[in-house]
Structures are given as structure tokens and as C-alpha cells.
């Protein structure tokens, strides 16, 4: 345990050091003024901060007295739990009260009684050990809480991801679409949906096998997710070979441009599909819906409009997009 003794009397310093050393306290440091103590503790200049477990300090010292020094030391965050025992020849209640208000833990009166000194030192060091132990437990608990929070965040993030394609899943869509719907109402802005699926995907699976089918979905999801340019836009796997993209603050023209980009990016992949009646490569069909929602509009009906537009694209021969035309929800 590190003990710092602060006293302007050289004799007093040596006496206290001798008493404590005889009882096995061998890490004892001496300072003959408050200023020297500040330097030792790293409170002055560029001196390195040192850890101490106990400070014994005389009240009456030239320059900065013990009470003023105690006040300064206790303002330092790293030292606020370090016990300070004041040494005084003055038993007046006013001075003792000032010492305790300054942050002193205890006091010893002069002339020093060895038994009393050792008892108070043991008590103060025990208090410091208990305080340090409590702070360490608190630190460990806080660390565990942070780790648990981080683990919960990761679990939540994982619960939002589709295990196959690594894009957000339908659960994510349902939760965050509600948020964007409310944002659009509040901001009186546009909101667009792009719903698409892979053309003739069952035939693809039958021809190339489910593993290749999975690989096909992964490539399309990754490519079209990367095709979204804005941070608020997001793509989700809606189910099976069906996906849906949410485009906040995007009007019908902007959504149509993104949908066209999806068509072209899918073609660029050139994933072979020899049994498709549409093309020799994998293609997608797209439905686009746009609205400027208000409190009278219906979010579920809006999603249904995108689905109907997708159905229209399939009826029109696939490998194309259809834009929902409706007045029911302000499109």
C-alpha cells in the first residue's frame, strides 16, 4: 500500500515513517509541503500521476495549509476516493469541521499516540481496499452490461437479416416500413416501393438444383442492394424469390429510374437460365408504387398496390416493370 506523508517538520516526517515502517508499511513517500505533495501526485506541471492509498497530512503548514491542500486533492477525479487523515494539534470543533468539509476521512491529534495512529491507518487502508474492490466490481459489471448490450444488438441485427441472401428480411421490412410511412406523413413527402421477383424461378431450381438456386438469389440480392445509392433506401427479401425495396422521399419518376436500374443490373449478371421462356438468362419482374401518404391513407393497401403492379408485369410477359396507377391512396 502506498502512503504519502505531508508535513513541514522533518522530524515529524521521520517519526511517522519510522512508526509505519516498523509495522510493515514499506511504500512510504514524504513531502515537506502541500506544493511538493501536489507535484508527487501529478497535480502540478507535467508530473506523472501516482497512485496512493492513503495520505497523512499536517493541518498547519506554511503557504498552502492542510485543509486547502485536501480540498484541491479531492477535486482530482483519480484521488477523490483516497482517504486523507489530517494531523492536528488543534482540537477545536470548527477546525475539525473544516477538515471534514474539505474531504478528510479522519484526523489524529498531536502529540501522536502510536496505537491510535496505527488503528486509524489500518481503518483508512481497509476503507480504501473496500472502495477499490467495489469500484472494480462496478467496472466489471458495467463491462459485462456493455458486452450484453452489444450481444443483444448483434442478435437483433441477426434477427433482421435473411440467412441466405444477407439482406434484411421481412421482419425488418415490416418494422422499418412503418417508420418510413410515419416519416413520410410527418414530412409530407413521397414514399415509393419496388417489389420484384425472379422470373420462372421454380424452373430454374428444377433445372440447376436448389444450391444453384440459392446462389442465384444471393447474387441478385447483393447486386441490387448495391444498386441502391442512398443510405435511407433499403432492400429486403420479402419471401421466397420475392424482394421489396423501400425508397423514402422518392417520387414516381425516381422510383421508375431505380426499377429500370434493377432490370439492367440483373441482365448484366448473365446468370444462365436455359429453361426460361423469357430469356436465356435470369430476369426479374418489377412492380412500382408511389404515394404521398397522409393520415387517411392505408399502408397495407399501398403495399398491395405494389404487389398488383408486379402481377401486371408478369402478365405483360415478365422481364419488365409496371407502375401502379391508382387514385385510392394519393399515388
Protein backbone atom coordinates (compact mmCIF):
# COMPACT_ATOMS: atom_id res chain seq x y z
CA UNK A 1 0.00 0.00 0.00
CA UNK A 2 1.36 3.45 -0.93
CA UNK A 3 1.28 6.05 1.84
CA UNK A 4 2.14 9.73 1.38
CA UNK A 5 3.05 11.77 4.47
CA UNK A 6 2.87 15.57 4.15
CA UNK A 7 4.36 17.68 6.94
CA UNK A 8 6.63 20.73 7.06
CA UNK A 9 8.52 19.24 10.04
CA UNK A 10 11.39 16.99 9.01
CA UNK A 11 11.39 15.36 12.44
CA UNK A 12 7.66 14.63 12.25
CA UNK A 13 8.10 13.09 8.81
CA UNK A 14 10.83 10.76 10.02
CA UNK A 15 8.92 9.77 13.16
CA UNK A 16 5.80 8.87 11.22
CA UNK A 17 7.79 6.99 8.62
CA UNK A 18 9.62 5.03 11.34
CA UNK A 19 6.37 4.04 13.09
CA UNK A 20 4.75 2.85 9.89
CA UNK A 21 7.85 1.11 8.57
CA UNK A 22 8.16 -0.95 11.76
CA UNK A 23 4.64 -2.26 11.12
CA UNK A 24 5.48 -3.40 7.60
CA UNK A 25 4.33 -0.39 5.56
CA UNK A 26 7.33 -0.08 3.27
CA UNK A 27 6.00 2.09 0.45
CA UNK A 28 6.10 5.43 2.21
CA UNK A 29 6.68 8.74 0.47
CA UNK A 30 7.47 12.06 2.12
CA UNK A 31 6.60 15.66 1.18
CA UNK A 32 7.54 18.69 3.25
CA UNK A 33 4.84 20.97 1.79
CA UNK A 34 1.49 20.90 0.05
CA UNK A 35 3.20 22.10 -3.12
CA UNK A 36 5.62 19.16 -3.04
CA UNK A 37 2.69 16.80 -2.43
CA UNK A 38 0.90 18.23 -5.49
CA UNK A 39 3.97 17.55 -7.61
CA UNK A 40 4.22 14.00 -6.30
CA UNK A 41 0.53 13.37 -7.04
CA UNK A 42 0.85 14.83 -10.54
CA UNK A 43 -1.41 17.80 -9.82
CA UNK A 44 1.18 20.34 -10.85
CA UNK A 45 3.06 20.78 -14.09
CA UNK A 46 3.67 17.71 -16.26
CA UNK A 47 4.48 15.37 -13.40
CA UNK A 48 3.19 11.83 -13.84
CA UNK A 49 0.19 10.98 -11.69
CA UNK A 50 0.93 8.47 -8.93
CA UNK A 51 -1.41 6.16 -7.13
CA UNK A 52 -1.57 6.48 -3.36
CA UNK A 53 -3.74 4.55 -0.96
CA UNK A 54 -3.53 6.92 1.98
CA UNK A 55 -2.40 10.48 2.73
CA UNK A 56 -1.35 11.65 6.20
CA UNK A 57 -1.25 15.45 6.20
CA UNK A 58 -0.48 18.11 8.76
CA UNK A 59 -3.07 20.87 9.05
CA UNK A 60 -0.71 23.74 9.86
CA UNK A 61 1.86 24.24 7.09
CA UNK A 62 3.39 27.39 5.58
CA UNK A 63 1.94 28.51 2.24
CA UNK A 64 -0.94 26.17 1.46
CA UNK A 65 -2.28 24.64 4.66
CA UNK A 66 -3.54 21.09 5.01
CA UNK A 67 -7.23 21.92 4.66
CA UNK A 68 -6.67 23.89 1.45
CA UNK A 69 -4.47 21.08 0.13
CA UNK A 70 -7.11 18.50 1.00
CA UNK A 71 -9.72 20.49 -0.94
CA UNK A 72 -7.52 20.60 -4.04
CA UNK A 73 -6.62 16.91 -3.87
CA UNK A 74 -10.26 15.84 -3.53
CA UNK A 75 -11.19 17.75 -6.67
CA UNK A 76 -8.99 15.38 -8.68
CA UNK A 77 -11.17 12.54 -10.01
CA UNK A 78 -8.47 9.89 -9.55
CA UNK A 79 -7.93 10.89 -5.90
CA UNK A 80 -11.45 11.55 -4.68
CA UNK A 81 -11.65 8.11 -3.02
CA UNK A 82 -8.17 8.31 -1.48
CA UNK A 83 -8.51 8.63 2.32
CA UNK A 84 -6.81 11.63 3.93
CA UNK A 85 -6.05 11.63 7.64
CA UNK A 86 -5.38 15.11 8.99
CA UNK A 87 -2.77 15.57 11.73
CA UNK A 88 -3.53 18.48 14.06
CA UNK A 89 -2.67 19.87 17.46
CA UNK A 90 -5.89 21.86 17.42
CA UNK A 91 -8.94 20.03 18.76
CA UNK A 92 -11.35 22.91 18.11
CA UNK A 93 -14.57 21.72 16.57
CA UNK A 94 -14.53 24.49 13.95
CA UNK A 95 -11.18 23.38 12.52
CA UNK A 96 -12.15 19.71 12.55
CA UNK A 97 -15.40 20.55 10.80
CA UNK A 98 -13.46 22.46 8.13
CA UNK A 99 -11.19 19.44 7.64
CA UNK A 100 -14.10 17.06 7.12
CA UNK A 101 -15.84 19.53 4.78
CA UNK A 102 -12.64 19.63 2.73
CA UNK A 103 -12.85 15.85 2.30
CA UNK A 104 -10.73 14.48 5.14
CA UNK A 105 -11.55 10.92 6.17
CA UNK A 106 -10.23 11.09 9.71
CA UNK A 107 -7.89 13.03 11.99
CA UNK A 108 -5.14 12.38 14.53
CA UNK A 109 -4.18 14.83 17.26
CA UNK A 110 -0.68 15.73 18.39
CA UNK A 111 1.22 14.50 20.27
CA UNK A 112 0.72 11.33 18.26
CA UNK A 113 -0.35 8.19 20.05
CA UNK A 114 1.22 5.24 18.21
CA UNK A 115 -1.63 2.84 18.92
CA UNK A 116 -4.21 5.35 17.74
CA UNK A 117 -2.16 6.18 14.64
CA UNK A 118 -1.83 2.55 13.57
CA UNK A 119 -5.50 1.84 14.25
CA UNK A 120 -6.64 4.79 12.13
CA UNK A 121 -4.18 3.92 9.36
CA UNK A 122 -5.43 0.33 9.26
CA UNK A 123 -9.02 1.53 9.20
CA UNK A 124 -8.36 4.02 6.39
CA UNK A 125 -6.46 1.47 4.28
CA UNK A 126 -9.22 -1.09 4.79
CA UNK A 127 -11.73 1.51 3.60
CA UNK A 128 -9.58 2.20 0.53
CA UNK A 129 -9.33 -1.50 -0.28
CA UNK A 130 -13.08 -1.94 0.05
CA UNK A 131 -13.69 1.13 -2.12
CA UNK A 132 -11.27 -0.11 -4.77
CA UNK A 133 -12.86 -3.55 -4.66
CA UNK A 134 -16.34 -2.05 -5.06
CA UNK A 135 -15.19 0.13 -7.96
CA UNK A 136 -13.60 -2.89 -9.63
CA UNK A 137 -16.83 -4.87 -9.25
CA UNK A 138 -18.77 -1.93 -10.68
CA UNK A 139 -16.33 -1.72 -13.57
CA UNK A 140 -16.69 -5.44 -14.24
CA UNK A 141 -20.48 -5.21 -14.03
CA UNK A 142 -20.52 -2.24 -16.39
CA UNK A 143 -18.24 -4.10 -18.76
CA UNK A 144 -20.49 -7.14 -18.63
CA UNK A 145 -23.55 -4.94 -19.20
CA UNK A 146 -21.87 -3.35 -22.23
CA UNK A 147 -20.95 -6.77 -23.59
CA UNK A 148 -24.51 -7.96 -23.03
CA UNK A 149 -25.93 -4.87 -24.77
CA UNK A 150 -23.54 -5.39 -27.66
CA UNK A 151 -24.51 -9.06 -27.89
CA UNK A 152 -28.21 -8.13 -27.83
CA UNK A 153 -27.63 -5.59 -30.59
CA UNK A 154 -25.89 -8.22 -32.70
CA UNK A 155 -28.67 -10.71 -32.02
CA UNK A 156 -31.27 -8.14 -33.03
CA UNK A 157 -29.31 -7.32 -36.17
CA UNK A 158 -29.05 -11.02 -36.97
CA UNK A 159 -32.79 -11.42 -36.44
CA UNK A 160 -33.30 -8.71 -39.08
CA UNK A 161 -31.12 -10.41 -41.69
CA UNK A 162 -32.17 -13.03 -44.17
CA UNK A 163 -29.94 -16.04 -43.54
CA UNK A 164 -29.46 -16.84 -47.21
CA UNK A 165 -29.06 -13.51 -49.01
CA UNK A 166 -27.71 -11.40 -46.09
CA UNK A 167 -30.10 -8.55 -46.91
CA UNK A 168 -32.77 -7.52 -44.37
CA UNK A 169 -35.70 -9.89 -44.01
CA UNK A 170 -39.47 -9.39 -43.97
CA UNK A 171 -39.46 -8.72 -40.22
CA UNK A 172 -37.12 -5.80 -40.82
CA UNK A 173 -39.29 -4.56 -43.67
CA UNK A 174 -42.48 -4.61 -41.59
CA UNK A 175 -40.86 -2.75 -38.71
CA UNK A 176 -38.94 -0.14 -40.63
CA UNK A 177 -41.52 0.42 -43.35
CA UNK A 178 -43.89 1.61 -40.60
CA UNK A 179 -41.23 4.11 -39.51
CA UNK A 180 -40.74 5.44 -43.04
CA UNK A 181 -44.50 5.60 -43.55
CA UNK A 182 -44.85 7.78 -40.45
CA UNK A 183 -41.88 9.91 -41.55
CA UNK A 184 -43.49 10.49 -44.94
CA UNK A 185 -46.75 11.59 -43.28
CA UNK A 186 -44.90 13.94 -40.96
CA UNK A 187 -42.70 15.38 -43.70
CA UNK A 188 -45.49 15.37 -46.31
CA UNK A 189 -43.11 13.62 -48.69
CA UNK A 190 -43.23 10.84 -51.24
CA UNK A 191 -42.64 7.19 -50.48
CA UNK A 192 -42.04 4.51 -53.12
CA UNK A 193 -41.94 0.73 -53.14
CA UNK A 194 -40.30 -1.55 -55.69
CA UNK A 195 -41.48 -5.15 -55.46
CA UNK A 196 -39.84 -7.73 -57.71
CA UNK A 197 -39.29 -11.44 -58.03
CA UNK A 198 -37.12 -13.74 -60.13
CA UNK A 199 -38.86 -14.88 -63.29
CA UNK A 200 -39.54 -18.62 -63.61
CA UNK A 201 -37.54 -19.38 -60.50
CA UNK A 202 -39.14 -22.78 -59.92
CA UNK A 203 -37.99 -23.83 -63.38
CA UNK A 204 -34.50 -22.56 -62.53
CA UNK A 205 -34.42 -24.68 -59.37
CA UNK A 206 -35.73 -27.72 -61.24
CA UNK A 207 -33.06 -27.29 -63.91
CA UNK A 208 -29.98 -26.31 -61.91
CA UNK A 209 -30.80 -27.55 -58.40
CA UNK A 210 -31.58 -25.72 -55.17
CA UNK A 211 -27.96 -24.92 -54.34
CA UNK A 212 -27.57 -23.05 -57.61
CA UNK A 213 -30.97 -21.50 -56.96
CA UNK A 214 -29.72 -20.21 -53.63
CA UNK A 215 -26.60 -18.86 -55.30
CA UNK A 216 -28.75 -17.09 -57.88
CA UNK A 217 -30.77 -15.34 -55.18
CA UNK A 218 -27.59 -14.31 -53.35
CA UNK A 219 -26.12 -12.71 -56.47
CA UNK A 220 -29.29 -10.82 -57.33
CA UNK A 221 -29.79 -9.61 -53.74
CA UNK A 222 -26.20 -8.41 -53.45
CA UNK A 223 -26.19 -6.71 -56.84
CA UNK A 224 -29.50 -4.89 -56.44
CA UNK A 225 -28.79 -3.94 -52.84
CA UNK A 226 -25.57 -2.30 -54.08
CA UNK A 227 -27.59 -0.58 -56.80
CA UNK A 228 -29.37 1.49 -54.14
CA UNK A 229 -27.42 4.73 -53.84
CA UNK A 230 -28.92 6.45 -50.80
CA UNK A 231 -28.43 5.44 -47.14
CA UNK A 232 -32.17 5.52 -46.31
CA UNK A 233 -33.11 3.20 -49.20
CA UNK A 234 -33.18 -0.46 -48.26
CA UNK A 235 -33.82 -3.80 -49.93
CA UNK A 236 -35.45 -6.77 -48.17
CA UNK A 237 -36.17 -10.34 -49.04
CA UNK A 238 -39.94 -10.45 -48.83
CA UNK A 239 -40.29 -14.20 -49.21
CA UNK A 240 -39.05 -16.98 -51.50
CA UNK A 241 -37.73 -15.34 -54.68
CA UNK A 242 -39.59 -12.09 -53.97
CA UNK A 243 -37.88 -8.89 -52.79
CA UNK A 244 -39.04 -5.39 -51.92
CA UNK A 245 -37.15 -2.09 -51.87
CA UNK A 246 -38.28 0.93 -49.85
CA UNK A 247 -37.36 4.34 -51.26
CA UNK A 248 -38.17 7.21 -48.89
CA UNK A 249 -38.59 10.70 -50.33
CA UNK A 250 -38.76 9.30 -53.87
CA UNK A 251 -41.43 10.20 -56.43
CA UNK A 252 -42.77 8.03 -59.23
CA UNK A 253 -40.12 9.10 -61.74
CA UNK A 254 -37.27 8.46 -59.32
CA UNK A 255 -38.67 5.04 -58.38
CA UNK A 256 -39.05 4.12 -62.06
CA UNK A 257 -35.40 5.01 -62.66
CA UNK A 258 -34.31 2.74 -59.81
CA UNK A 259 -36.54 -0.06 -61.10
CA UNK A 260 -35.00 0.28 -64.56
CA UNK A 261 -31.55 0.11 -62.97
CA UNK A 262 -32.62 -3.12 -61.25
CA UNK A 263 -33.64 -4.62 -64.59
CA UNK A 264 -30.34 -3.67 -66.23
CA UNK A 265 -28.15 -4.80 -63.33
CA UNK A 266 -29.88 -8.18 -63.32
CA UNK A 267 -29.25 -8.58 -67.05
CA UNK A 268 -25.58 -7.73 -66.54
CA UNK A 269 -25.21 -10.71 -64.20
CA UNK A 270 -25.86 -13.04 -67.16
CA UNK A 271 -26.97 -15.93 -65.00
CA UNK A 272 -27.86 -18.72 -67.43
CA UNK A 273 -31.47 -19.91 -67.45
CA UNK A 274 -31.95 -22.26 -70.42
CA UNK A 275 -35.50 -23.30 -69.45
CA UNK A 276 -36.85 -19.75 -69.13
CA UNK A 277 -39.45 -18.80 -71.76
CA UNK A 278 -38.47 -15.16 -71.24
CA UNK A 279 -34.72 -15.03 -71.84
CA UNK A 280 -31.63 -17.26 -71.98
CA UNK A 281 -30.53 -15.53 -68.75
CA UNK A 282 -32.26 -14.92 -65.42
CA UNK A 283 -34.59 -11.91 -65.42
CA UNK A 284 -36.87 -10.20 -62.92
CA UNK A 285 -40.34 -8.66 -63.00
CA UNK A 286 -40.98 -5.43 -61.10
CA UNK A 287 -43.96 -3.59 -59.64
CA UNK A 288 -43.58 0.06 -58.60
CA UNK A 289 -45.89 2.05 -56.35
CA UNK A 290 -45.57 5.64 -55.17
CA UNK A 291 -47.67 7.72 -52.81
CA UNK A 292 -47.58 10.78 -50.62
CA UNK A 293 -49.25 9.31 -47.51
CA UNK A 294 -51.37 11.16 -45.00
CA UNK A 295 -53.41 10.06 -42.00
CA UNK A 296 -56.25 8.91 -44.27
CA UNK A 297 -54.12 6.54 -46.35
CA UNK A 298 -53.57 2.87 -45.70
CA UNK A 299 -50.06 1.39 -45.61
CA UNK A 300 -51.20 -2.20 -46.25
CA UNK A 301 -53.21 -1.06 -49.27
CA UNK A 302 -50.14 0.70 -50.58
CA UNK A 303 -48.06 -2.50 -50.36
CA UNK A 304 -50.88 -4.32 -52.13
CA UNK A 305 -50.72 -1.81 -54.99
CA UNK A 306 -47.02 -2.61 -55.49
CA UNK A 307 -47.90 -6.32 -55.49
CA UNK A 308 -50.63 -5.77 -58.08
CA UNK A 309 -48.19 -3.83 -60.26
CA UNK A 310 -45.74 -6.76 -60.01
CA UNK A 311 -48.54 -9.11 -61.09
CA UNK A 312 -49.19 -6.79 -64.02
CA UNK A 313 -45.52 -7.02 -65.05
CA UNK A 314 -45.74 -10.82 -65.04
CA UNK A 315 -48.95 -10.72 -67.10
CA UNK A 316 -47.19 -8.48 -69.58
CA UNK A 317 -44.55 -11.11 -70.33
CA UNK A 318 -42.10 -10.65 -67.42
CA UNK A 319 -38.64 -9.05 -67.61
CA UNK A 320 -40.23 -5.62 -67.29
CA UNK A 321 -41.71 -3.21 -64.79
CA UNK A 322 -45.18 -1.86 -64.23
CA UNK A 323 -46.00 1.30 -62.29
CA UNK A 324 -49.16 1.29 -60.23
CA UNK A 325 -51.77 3.75 -61.46
CA UNK A 326 -54.34 4.49 -58.79
CA UNK A 327 -56.08 7.35 -57.02
CA UNK A 328 -57.19 5.44 -53.96
CA UNK A 329 -54.22 6.41 -51.78
CA UNK A 330 -52.92 9.51 -53.48
CA UNK A 331 -50.47 7.91 -55.94
